[in-house]
């Protein structure tokens, strides 16, 4: 992890000119910027226990910049790609301590085709964003309620939904 951190910190972020319009979709460069900062944040978090809020904030800024670029150039965003990355983007907004950005993404993209596994995570993320954006704290009660919510919705999926094992078999 430290080698990855060192490499990223000694190189420049991906430049907007690195992907040609003829060979790549316009969103590739913006996604690479998001991934650049998200990777740096995750490595710092896992290796050092650093909350890496600045790195996650830069990842969310790259997402916001991509959306502003699309609006300015009147480029339609791909709803399938947006749905596929929504959970990750909202989680990154929460890690950046920017719940307003998470709420904005949830409102803009919408939870249209969330999978059976993603739906509870998005529901939790939406609750967390609302709680924090309205001045709520990340205290023990917040963590407890979040854990209860995820356990109630995700554990049944893993035990019964993913394997299609009926609850009665666990008697």
N, C-alpha and C. Protein backbone atom coordinates (compact mmCIF):
# COMPACT_ATOMS: atom_id res chain seq x y z
N UNK A 1 0.83 -1.19 0.00
CA UNK A 1 0.00 0.00 0.00
C UNK A 1 0.87 1.26 0.00
N UNK A 2 1.92 1.22 0.80
CA UNK A 2 2.80 2.39 0.87
C UNK A 2 3.48 2.66 -0.47
N UNK A 3 3.83 1.61 -1.20
CA UNK A 3 4.44 1.80 -2.52
C UNK A 3 3.45 2.46 -3.47
N UNK A 4 2.18 2.07 -3.39
CA UNK A 4 1.15 2.68 -4.24
C UNK A 4 0.99 4.16 -3.85
N UNK A 5 0.93 4.43 -2.56
CA UNK A 5 0.81 5.81 -2.08
C UNK A 5 1.98 6.64 -2.59
N UNK A 6 3.20 6.11 -2.42
CA UNK A 6 4.39 6.84 -2.88
C UNK A 6 4.35 7.11 -4.37
N UNK A 7 3.95 6.08 -5.15
CA UNK A 7 3.91 6.26 -6.60
C UNK A 7 2.90 7.34 -6.98
N UNK A 8 1.69 7.25 -6.44
CA UNK A 8 0.65 8.22 -6.80
C UNK A 8 1.08 9.63 -6.39
N UNK A 9 1.65 9.75 -5.20
CA UNK A 9 2.02 11.08 -4.72
C UNK A 9 3.21 11.68 -5.46
N UNK A 10 3.98 10.88 -6.18
CA UNK A 10 5.12 11.42 -6.95
C UNK A 10 4.82 11.57 -8.44
N UNK A 11 3.58 11.32 -8.82
CA UNK A 11 3.16 11.48 -10.21
C UNK A 11 1.99 12.45 -10.28
N UNK A 12 1.82 13.04 -11.43
CA UNK A 12 0.70 13.96 -11.64
C UNK A 12 -0.58 13.17 -11.88
N UNK A 13 -1.70 13.77 -11.49
CA UNK A 13 -2.99 13.13 -11.76
C UNK A 13 -3.17 13.00 -13.26
N UNK A 14 -4.01 12.10 -13.71
CA UNK A 14 -4.25 11.96 -15.15
C UNK A 14 -4.72 13.29 -15.74
N UNK A 15 -4.12 13.67 -16.85
CA UNK A 15 -4.48 14.93 -17.50
C UNK A 15 -5.65 14.75 -18.45
N UNK A 16 -6.37 15.82 -18.67
CA UNK A 16 -7.52 15.76 -19.56
C UNK A 16 -7.14 15.43 -21.00
N UNK A 17 -5.90 15.67 -21.36
CA UNK A 17 -5.43 15.43 -22.74
C UNK A 17 -4.98 13.99 -22.99
N UNK A 18 -4.95 13.15 -21.96
CA UNK A 18 -4.38 11.81 -22.09
C UNK A 18 -5.24 10.84 -22.90
N UNK A 19 -6.50 11.13 -23.04
CA UNK A 19 -7.39 10.28 -23.82
C UNK A 19 -7.88 11.07 -25.03
N UNK A 20 -7.65 10.53 -26.20
CA UNK A 20 -8.13 11.21 -27.39
C UNK A 20 -9.62 10.94 -27.58
N UNK A 21 -10.32 11.94 -28.05
CA UNK A 21 -11.76 11.79 -28.28
C UNK A 21 -12.06 10.74 -29.34
N UNK A 22 -11.13 10.54 -30.25
CA UNK A 22 -11.35 9.58 -31.32
C UNK A 22 -11.28 8.14 -30.82
N UNK A 23 -10.48 7.89 -29.80
CA UNK A 23 -10.25 6.52 -29.35
C UNK A 23 -10.92 6.16 -28.03
N UNK A 24 -11.37 7.16 -27.29
CA UNK A 24 -11.91 6.88 -25.96
C UNK A 24 -13.19 7.67 -25.72
N UNK A 25 -14.03 7.10 -24.91
CA UNK A 25 -15.25 7.79 -24.48
C UNK A 25 -14.82 8.97 -23.59
N UNK A 26 -15.52 10.08 -23.68
CA UNK A 26 -15.14 11.28 -22.93
C UNK A 26 -15.05 11.04 -21.43
N UNK A 27 -15.81 10.08 -20.93
CA UNK A 27 -15.86 9.88 -19.50
C UNK A 27 -14.66 9.12 -18.94
N UNK A 28 -13.86 8.49 -19.81
CA UNK A 28 -12.70 7.73 -19.33
C UNK A 28 -11.75 8.58 -18.50
N UNK A 29 -11.43 9.78 -18.98
CA UNK A 29 -10.48 10.61 -18.25
C UNK A 29 -11.04 11.04 -16.91
N UNK A 30 -12.31 11.34 -16.87
CA UNK A 30 -12.91 11.76 -15.60
C UNK A 30 -12.95 10.59 -14.63
N UNK A 31 -13.27 9.41 -15.12
CA UNK A 31 -13.27 8.22 -14.27
C UNK A 31 -11.86 7.92 -13.76
N UNK A 32 -10.86 8.12 -14.61
CA UNK A 32 -9.49 7.85 -14.16
C UNK A 32 -9.08 8.83 -13.06
N UNK A 33 -9.55 10.06 -13.14
CA UNK A 33 -9.26 11.01 -12.06
C UNK A 33 -9.96 10.59 -10.77
N UNK A 34 -11.23 10.20 -10.87
CA UNK A 34 -11.96 9.72 -9.69
C UNK A 34 -11.20 8.54 -9.08
N UNK A 35 -10.85 7.56 -9.91
CA UNK A 35 -10.16 6.36 -9.42
C UNK A 35 -8.79 6.67 -8.83
N UNK A 36 -8.09 7.64 -9.40
CA UNK A 36 -6.77 8.06 -8.92
C UNK A 36 -6.86 8.48 -7.45
N UNK A 37 -7.75 9.40 -7.18
CA UNK A 37 -7.88 9.92 -5.82
C UNK A 37 -8.54 8.91 -4.87
N UNK A 38 -9.50 8.16 -5.37
CA UNK A 38 -10.13 7.15 -4.53
C UNK A 38 -9.11 6.09 -4.12
N UNK A 39 -8.28 5.65 -5.05
CA UNK A 39 -7.25 4.66 -4.75
C UNK A 39 -6.27 5.20 -3.71
N UNK A 40 -5.85 6.45 -3.88
CA UNK A 40 -4.95 7.06 -2.91
C UNK A 40 -5.61 7.10 -1.53
N UNK A 41 -6.86 7.51 -1.47
CA UNK A 41 -7.58 7.55 -0.21
C UNK A 41 -7.72 6.18 0.43
N UNK A 42 -8.10 5.19 -0.36
CA UNK A 42 -8.25 3.83 0.18
C UNK A 42 -6.92 3.28 0.69
N UNK A 43 -5.86 3.52 -0.04
CA UNK A 43 -4.54 3.04 0.41
C UNK A 43 -4.12 3.71 1.71
N UNK A 44 -4.33 5.01 1.82
CA UNK A 44 -3.98 5.70 3.06
C UNK A 44 -4.83 5.20 4.22
N UNK A 45 -6.09 4.96 3.94
CA UNK A 45 -6.99 4.48 4.99
C UNK A 45 -6.58 3.08 5.45
N UNK A 46 -6.35 2.17 4.50
CA UNK A 46 -6.01 0.80 4.86
C UNK A 46 -4.61 0.67 5.44
N UNK A 47 -3.66 1.42 4.92
CA UNK A 47 -2.28 1.29 5.37
C UNK A 47 -1.99 2.08 6.64
N UNK A 48 -2.55 3.27 6.73
CA UNK A 48 -2.19 4.18 7.82
C UNK A 48 -3.31 4.44 8.82
N UNK A 49 -4.51 4.03 8.48
CA UNK A 49 -5.66 4.37 9.33
C UNK A 49 -6.05 5.83 9.18
N UNK A 50 -5.56 6.46 8.13
CA UNK A 50 -5.84 7.86 7.82
C UNK A 50 -7.23 7.95 7.19
N UNK A 51 -8.06 8.85 7.65
CA UNK A 51 -9.40 9.00 7.08
C UNK A 51 -9.34 9.47 5.63
N UNK A 52 -8.25 10.08 5.21
CA UNK A 52 -8.00 10.49 3.83
C UNK A 52 -9.15 11.31 3.24
N UNK A 53 -9.72 12.17 4.05
CA UNK A 53 -10.86 12.98 3.59
C UNK A 53 -10.51 13.84 2.38
N UNK A 54 -9.30 14.38 2.36
CA UNK A 54 -8.90 15.25 1.24
C UNK A 54 -8.86 14.46 -0.06
N UNK A 55 -8.36 13.24 -0.01
CA UNK A 55 -8.27 12.42 -1.22
C UNK A 55 -9.66 12.02 -1.70
N UNK A 56 -10.53 11.62 -0.77
CA UNK A 56 -11.90 11.28 -1.16
C UNK A 56 -12.64 12.52 -1.67
N UNK A 57 -12.34 13.67 -1.08
CA UNK A 57 -12.95 14.92 -1.56
C UNK A 57 -12.49 15.22 -2.99
N UNK A 58 -11.23 14.96 -3.30
CA UNK A 58 -10.74 15.16 -4.66
C UNK A 58 -11.41 14.19 -5.64
N UNK A 59 -11.68 12.97 -5.18
CA UNK A 59 -12.38 12.00 -6.04
C UNK A 59 -13.79 12.51 -6.35
N UNK A 60 -14.48 13.00 -5.33
CA UNK A 60 -15.84 13.53 -5.55
C UNK A 60 -15.78 14.78 -6.42
N UNK A 61 -14.75 15.60 -6.25
CA UNK A 61 -14.61 16.78 -7.10
C UNK A 61 -14.46 16.35 -8.57
N UNK A 62 -13.70 15.28 -8.82
CA UNK A 62 -13.56 14.77 -10.19
C UNK A 62 -14.91 14.34 -10.75
N UNK A 63 -15.74 13.73 -9.92
CA UNK A 63 -17.09 13.32 -10.35
C UNK A 63 -17.94 14.55 -10.66
N UNK A 64 -17.89 15.55 -9.79
CA UNK A 64 -18.66 16.78 -10.01
C UNK A 64 -18.16 17.50 -11.27
N UNK A 65 -16.83 17.55 -11.44
CA UNK A 65 -16.26 18.18 -12.64
C UNK A 65 -16.72 17.47 -13.90
N UNK A 66 -16.80 16.14 -13.85
CA UNK A 66 -17.26 15.37 -15.02
C UNK A 66 -18.70 15.74 -15.36
N UNK A 67 -19.53 15.86 -14.35
CA UNK A 67 -20.94 16.22 -14.57
C UNK A 67 -21.05 17.63 -15.13
N UNK A 68 -20.24 18.56 -14.61
CA UNK A 68 -20.26 19.94 -15.13
C UNK A 68 -19.77 19.98 -16.58
N UNK A 69 -18.76 19.18 -16.88
CA UNK A 69 -18.26 19.09 -18.26
C UNK A 69 -19.35 18.58 -19.19
N UNK A 70 -20.06 17.54 -18.75
CA UNK A 70 -21.13 16.97 -19.57
C UNK A 70 -22.23 18.00 -19.81
N UNK A 71 -22.60 18.74 -18.77
CA UNK A 71 -23.63 19.78 -18.94
C UNK A 71 -23.18 20.87 -19.90
N UNK A 72 -21.94 21.32 -19.70
CA UNK A 72 -21.40 22.40 -20.54
C UNK A 72 -21.32 21.98 -22.01
N UNK A 73 -20.94 20.75 -22.24
CA UNK A 73 -20.80 20.25 -23.61
C UNK A 73 -22.09 19.61 -24.13
N UNK A 74 -23.13 19.65 -23.33
CA UNK A 74 -24.42 19.00 -23.61
C UNK A 74 -24.24 17.54 -24.02
N UNK A 75 -23.46 16.84 -23.22
CA UNK A 75 -23.22 15.41 -23.43
C UNK A 75 -24.15 14.65 -22.47
N UNK A 76 -24.85 13.69 -23.00
CA UNK A 76 -25.73 12.89 -22.16
C UNK A 76 -24.91 11.89 -21.35
N UNK A 77 -25.21 11.81 -20.08
CA UNK A 77 -24.57 10.81 -19.23
C UNK A 77 -25.25 9.47 -19.46
N UNK A 78 -24.49 8.40 -19.40
CA UNK A 78 -25.02 7.06 -19.62
C UNK A 78 -25.71 6.58 -18.34
N UNK A 79 -27.04 6.43 -18.37
CA UNK A 79 -27.75 6.03 -17.16
C UNK A 79 -27.30 4.68 -16.62
N UNK A 80 -26.91 3.78 -17.49
CA UNK A 80 -26.42 2.46 -17.04
C UNK A 80 -25.13 2.59 -16.26
N UNK A 81 -24.20 3.39 -16.77
CA UNK A 81 -22.94 3.61 -16.06
C UNK A 81 -23.18 4.33 -14.74
N UNK A 82 -24.08 5.30 -14.75
CA UNK A 82 -24.37 6.03 -13.53
C UNK A 82 -24.94 5.11 -12.46
N UNK A 83 -25.86 4.24 -12.84
CA UNK A 83 -26.44 3.28 -11.89
C UNK A 83 -25.37 2.33 -11.37
N UNK A 84 -24.49 1.89 -12.26
CA UNK A 84 -23.47 0.92 -11.88
C UNK A 84 -22.46 1.50 -10.88
N UNK A 85 -22.24 2.80 -10.91
CA UNK A 85 -21.24 3.40 -10.03
C UNK A 85 -21.85 4.20 -8.87
N UNK A 86 -23.16 4.25 -8.78
CA UNK A 86 -23.81 5.09 -7.78
C UNK A 86 -23.41 4.73 -6.35
N UNK A 87 -23.45 3.46 -6.00
CA UNK A 87 -23.10 3.04 -4.64
C UNK A 87 -21.69 3.49 -4.28
N UNK A 88 -20.75 3.26 -5.19
CA UNK A 88 -19.35 3.64 -4.97
C UNK A 88 -19.19 5.15 -4.83
N UNK A 89 -19.86 5.90 -5.67
CA UNK A 89 -19.74 7.36 -5.63
C UNK A 89 -20.33 7.93 -4.33
N UNK A 90 -21.48 7.42 -3.92
CA UNK A 90 -22.10 7.93 -2.68
C UNK A 90 -21.24 7.55 -1.47
N UNK A 91 -20.71 6.34 -1.45
CA UNK A 91 -19.83 5.93 -0.36
C UNK A 91 -18.59 6.83 -0.30
N UNK A 92 -18.07 7.20 -1.45
CA UNK A 92 -16.91 8.09 -1.49
C UNK A 92 -17.27 9.48 -0.99
N UNK A 93 -18.46 9.95 -1.32
CA UNK A 93 -18.92 11.24 -0.80
C UNK A 93 -19.01 11.20 0.72
N UNK A 94 -19.51 10.11 1.27
CA UNK A 94 -19.57 9.97 2.72
C UNK A 94 -18.17 9.93 3.33
N UNK A 95 -17.24 9.23 2.69
CA UNK A 95 -15.87 9.18 3.19
C UNK A 95 -15.21 10.55 3.13
N UNK A 96 -15.62 11.37 2.16
CA UNK A 96 -15.09 12.72 2.01
C UNK A 96 -15.76 13.70 2.99
N UNK A 97 -16.70 13.18 3.76
CA UNK A 97 -17.50 14.01 4.68
C UNK A 97 -18.25 15.09 3.91
N UNK A 98 -18.79 14.67 2.76
CA UNK A 98 -19.57 15.56 1.91
C UNK A 98 -20.92 14.90 1.61
N UNK A 99 -21.76 14.78 2.65
CA UNK A 99 -23.04 14.10 2.42
C UNK A 99 -23.94 14.83 1.43
N UNK A 100 -23.76 16.15 1.29
CA UNK A 100 -24.56 16.90 0.32
C UNK A 100 -24.28 16.40 -1.10
N UNK A 101 -23.02 16.10 -1.40
CA UNK A 101 -22.69 15.55 -2.72
C UNK A 101 -23.33 14.18 -2.91
N UNK A 102 -23.36 13.38 -1.86
CA UNK A 102 -24.02 12.08 -1.93
C UNK A 102 -25.51 12.22 -2.20
N UNK A 103 -26.15 13.15 -1.50
CA UNK A 103 -27.58 13.39 -1.73
C UNK A 103 -27.83 13.88 -3.14
N UNK A 104 -26.95 14.74 -3.64
CA UNK A 104 -27.08 15.24 -5.00
C UNK A 104 -26.99 14.10 -6.01
N UNK A 105 -26.03 13.21 -5.83
CA UNK A 105 -25.90 12.06 -6.73
C UNK A 105 -27.14 11.17 -6.67
N UNK A 106 -27.61 10.90 -5.46
CA UNK A 106 -28.80 10.07 -5.32
C UNK A 106 -30.00 10.70 -6.01
N UNK A 107 -30.14 12.02 -5.88
CA UNK A 107 -31.27 12.72 -6.50
C UNK A 107 -31.12 12.78 -8.02
N UNK A 108 -29.90 13.01 -8.49
CA UNK A 108 -29.65 13.16 -9.92
C UNK A 108 -29.77 11.83 -10.65
N UNK A 109 -29.11 10.82 -10.12
CA UNK A 109 -29.09 9.51 -10.79
C UNK A 109 -30.37 8.75 -10.50
N UNK A 110 -30.81 8.81 -9.25
CA UNK A 110 -32.00 8.07 -8.86
C UNK A 110 -31.69 6.60 -8.70
N UNK A 111 -32.46 5.94 -7.91
CA UNK A 111 -32.28 4.51 -7.67
C UNK A 111 -33.32 3.79 -8.51
N UNK A 112 -33.00 3.62 -9.78
CA UNK A 112 -33.96 3.06 -10.73
C UNK A 112 -33.83 1.54 -10.84
N UNK A 113 -32.63 1.08 -11.09
CA UNK A 113 -32.41 -0.34 -11.33
C UNK A 113 -31.40 -0.92 -10.35
N UNK A 114 -31.55 -0.61 -9.09
CA UNK A 114 -30.62 -1.14 -8.09
C UNK A 114 -30.84 -2.64 -7.95
N UNK A 115 -29.74 -3.36 -7.86
CA UNK A 115 -29.82 -4.80 -7.68
C UNK A 115 -30.31 -5.12 -6.28
N UNK A 116 -30.60 -6.37 -6.07
CA UNK A 116 -31.08 -6.84 -4.77
C UNK A 116 -30.04 -6.55 -3.68
N UNK A 117 -28.79 -6.59 -4.05
CA UNK A 117 -27.70 -6.32 -3.10
C UNK A 117 -27.45 -4.83 -2.93
N UNK A 118 -27.56 -4.06 -4.01
CA UNK A 118 -27.28 -2.63 -3.94
C UNK A 118 -28.39 -1.82 -3.26
N UNK A 119 -29.62 -2.25 -3.40
CA UNK A 119 -30.76 -1.47 -2.87
C UNK A 119 -30.62 -1.18 -1.38
N UNK A 120 -30.30 -2.17 -0.52
CA UNK A 120 -30.17 -1.83 0.90
C UNK A 120 -28.98 -0.93 1.19
N UNK A 121 -27.92 -1.08 0.43
CA UNK A 121 -26.75 -0.22 0.63
C UNK A 121 -27.08 1.21 0.25
N UNK A 122 -27.81 1.39 -0.84
CA UNK A 122 -28.22 2.73 -1.25
C UNK A 122 -29.20 3.34 -0.26
N UNK A 123 -30.09 2.51 0.26
CA UNK A 123 -31.04 3.00 1.27
C UNK A 123 -30.28 3.47 2.52
N UNK A 124 -29.32 2.67 2.95
CA UNK A 124 -28.49 3.06 4.09
C UNK A 124 -27.72 4.34 3.78
N UNK A 125 -27.14 4.40 2.59
CA UNK A 125 -26.35 5.58 2.19
C UNK A 125 -27.21 6.83 2.18
N UNK A 126 -28.43 6.69 1.67
CA UNK A 126 -29.33 7.84 1.64
C UNK A 126 -29.66 8.30 3.06
N UNK A 127 -29.94 7.35 3.95
CA UNK A 127 -30.22 7.69 5.34
C UNK A 127 -29.02 8.37 5.98
N UNK A 128 -27.83 7.82 5.74
CA UNK A 128 -26.61 8.40 6.31
C UNK A 128 -26.39 9.82 5.78
N UNK A 129 -26.57 10.01 4.48
CA UNK A 129 -26.39 11.35 3.90
C UNK A 129 -27.37 12.35 4.50
N UNK A 130 -28.64 11.95 4.60
CA UNK A 130 -29.65 12.84 5.19
C UNK A 130 -29.28 13.19 6.63
N UNK A 131 -28.94 12.19 7.41
CA UNK A 131 -28.59 12.38 8.82
C UNK A 131 -27.42 13.35 8.96
N UNK A 132 -26.36 13.11 8.21
CA UNK A 132 -25.16 13.94 8.34
C UNK A 132 -25.34 15.33 7.73
N UNK A 133 -26.05 15.42 6.62
CA UNK A 133 -26.27 16.73 5.98
C UNK A 133 -27.14 17.63 6.85
N UNK A 134 -28.00 17.02 7.67
CA UNK A 134 -28.86 17.83 8.54
C UNK A 134 -28.21 18.12 9.90
N UNK A 135 -26.92 17.86 9.99
CA UNK A 135 -26.19 18.20 11.22
C UNK A 135 -26.02 17.05 12.19
N UNK A 136 -26.50 15.87 11.83
CA UNK A 136 -26.32 14.71 12.70
C UNK A 136 -24.86 14.33 12.81
N UNK A 137 -24.54 13.61 13.85
CA UNK A 137 -23.15 13.22 14.12
C UNK A 137 -22.91 11.76 13.80
N UNK A 138 -21.65 11.43 13.61
CA UNK A 138 -21.22 10.04 13.41
C UNK A 138 -20.90 9.46 14.80
N UNK A 139 -21.91 9.39 15.62
CA UNK A 139 -21.71 8.93 16.99
C UNK A 139 -22.07 7.44 17.10
N UNK A 140 -22.00 6.91 18.31
CA UNK A 140 -22.26 5.49 18.54
C UNK A 140 -23.67 5.10 18.11
N UNK A 141 -24.66 5.95 18.36
CA UNK A 141 -26.03 5.64 17.97
C UNK A 141 -26.17 5.57 16.44
N UNK A 142 -25.52 6.48 15.74
CA UNK A 142 -25.52 6.48 14.27
C UNK A 142 -24.93 5.17 13.75
N UNK A 143 -23.79 4.77 14.29
CA UNK A 143 -23.13 3.54 13.86
C UNK A 143 -24.00 2.33 14.18
N UNK A 144 -24.58 2.31 15.38
CA UNK A 144 -25.44 1.20 15.80
C UNK A 144 -26.64 1.06 14.87
N UNK A 145 -27.32 2.16 14.60
CA UNK A 145 -28.50 2.11 13.72
C UNK A 145 -28.12 1.68 12.31
N UNK A 146 -26.98 2.16 11.82
CA UNK A 146 -26.52 1.76 10.49
C UNK A 146 -26.20 0.28 10.43
N UNK A 147 -25.52 -0.23 11.45
CA UNK A 147 -25.18 -1.65 11.49
C UNK A 147 -26.45 -2.50 11.54
N UNK A 148 -27.42 -2.09 12.35
CA UNK A 148 -28.69 -2.83 12.43
C UNK A 148 -29.41 -2.83 11.08
N UNK A 149 -29.41 -1.68 10.43
CA UNK A 149 -30.09 -1.57 9.15
C UNK A 149 -29.44 -2.47 8.10
N UNK A 150 -28.12 -2.45 8.03
CA UNK A 150 -27.43 -3.27 7.04
C UNK A 150 -27.54 -4.76 7.38
N UNK A 151 -27.47 -5.10 8.65
CA UNK A 151 -27.61 -6.51 9.04
C UNK A 151 -29.00 -7.03 8.68
N UNK A 152 -30.00 -6.22 8.91
CA UNK A 152 -31.37 -6.65 8.63
C UNK A 152 -31.62 -6.84 7.14
N UNK A 153 -30.91 -6.07 6.32
CA UNK A 153 -31.19 -6.14 4.88
C UNK A 153 -30.17 -6.98 4.11
N UNK A 154 -28.92 -6.99 4.53
CA UNK A 154 -27.90 -7.70 3.77
C UNK A 154 -27.70 -9.15 4.21
N UNK A 155 -27.77 -9.43 5.50
CA UNK A 155 -27.56 -10.81 5.94
C UNK A 155 -28.56 -11.77 5.34
N UNK A 156 -29.85 -11.44 5.31
CA UNK A 156 -30.79 -12.36 4.65
C UNK A 156 -30.44 -12.58 3.17
N UNK A 157 -29.93 -11.56 2.51
CA UNK A 157 -29.54 -11.72 1.10
C UNK A 157 -28.44 -12.75 0.98
N UNK A 158 -27.42 -12.62 1.82
CA UNK A 158 -26.29 -13.54 1.71
C UNK A 158 -26.66 -14.97 2.10
N UNK A 159 -27.53 -15.11 3.10
CA UNK A 159 -27.90 -16.45 3.52
C UNK A 159 -28.96 -17.09 2.63
N UNK A 160 -29.91 -16.26 2.16
CA UNK A 160 -31.03 -16.84 1.42
C UNK A 160 -31.10 -16.37 -0.02
N UNK A 161 -30.88 -15.08 -0.26
CA UNK A 161 -31.02 -14.55 -1.61
C UNK A 161 -29.95 -15.01 -2.56
N UNK A 162 -28.69 -14.90 -2.15
CA UNK A 162 -27.60 -15.22 -3.06
C UNK A 162 -27.54 -16.71 -3.37
N UNK A 163 -27.82 -17.53 -2.39
CA UNK A 163 -27.73 -18.98 -2.57
C UNK A 163 -29.07 -19.63 -2.88
N UNK A 164 -30.13 -18.83 -2.79
CA UNK A 164 -31.47 -19.31 -3.02
C UNK A 164 -31.82 -20.46 -2.09
N UNK A 165 -31.33 -20.37 -0.85
CA UNK A 165 -31.66 -21.36 0.17
C UNK A 165 -32.84 -20.83 0.96
N UNK A 166 -33.82 -21.64 1.14
CA UNK A 166 -35.02 -21.21 1.86
C UNK A 166 -34.71 -21.06 3.34
N UNK A 167 -35.26 -20.03 3.99
CA UNK A 167 -35.03 -19.81 5.42
C UNK A 167 -35.41 -21.02 6.27
N UNK A 168 -36.41 -21.78 5.89
CA UNK A 168 -36.87 -22.93 6.68
C UNK A 168 -35.78 -23.97 6.83
N UNK A 169 -34.86 -24.05 5.89
CA UNK A 169 -33.79 -25.04 5.95
C UNK A 169 -32.79 -24.75 7.06
N UNK A 170 -32.80 -23.53 7.58
CA UNK A 170 -31.88 -23.18 8.66
C UNK A 170 -32.52 -23.40 10.03
N UNK A 171 -33.80 -23.84 10.04
CA UNK A 171 -34.61 -24.14 11.18
C UNK A 171 -34.19 -23.58 12.44
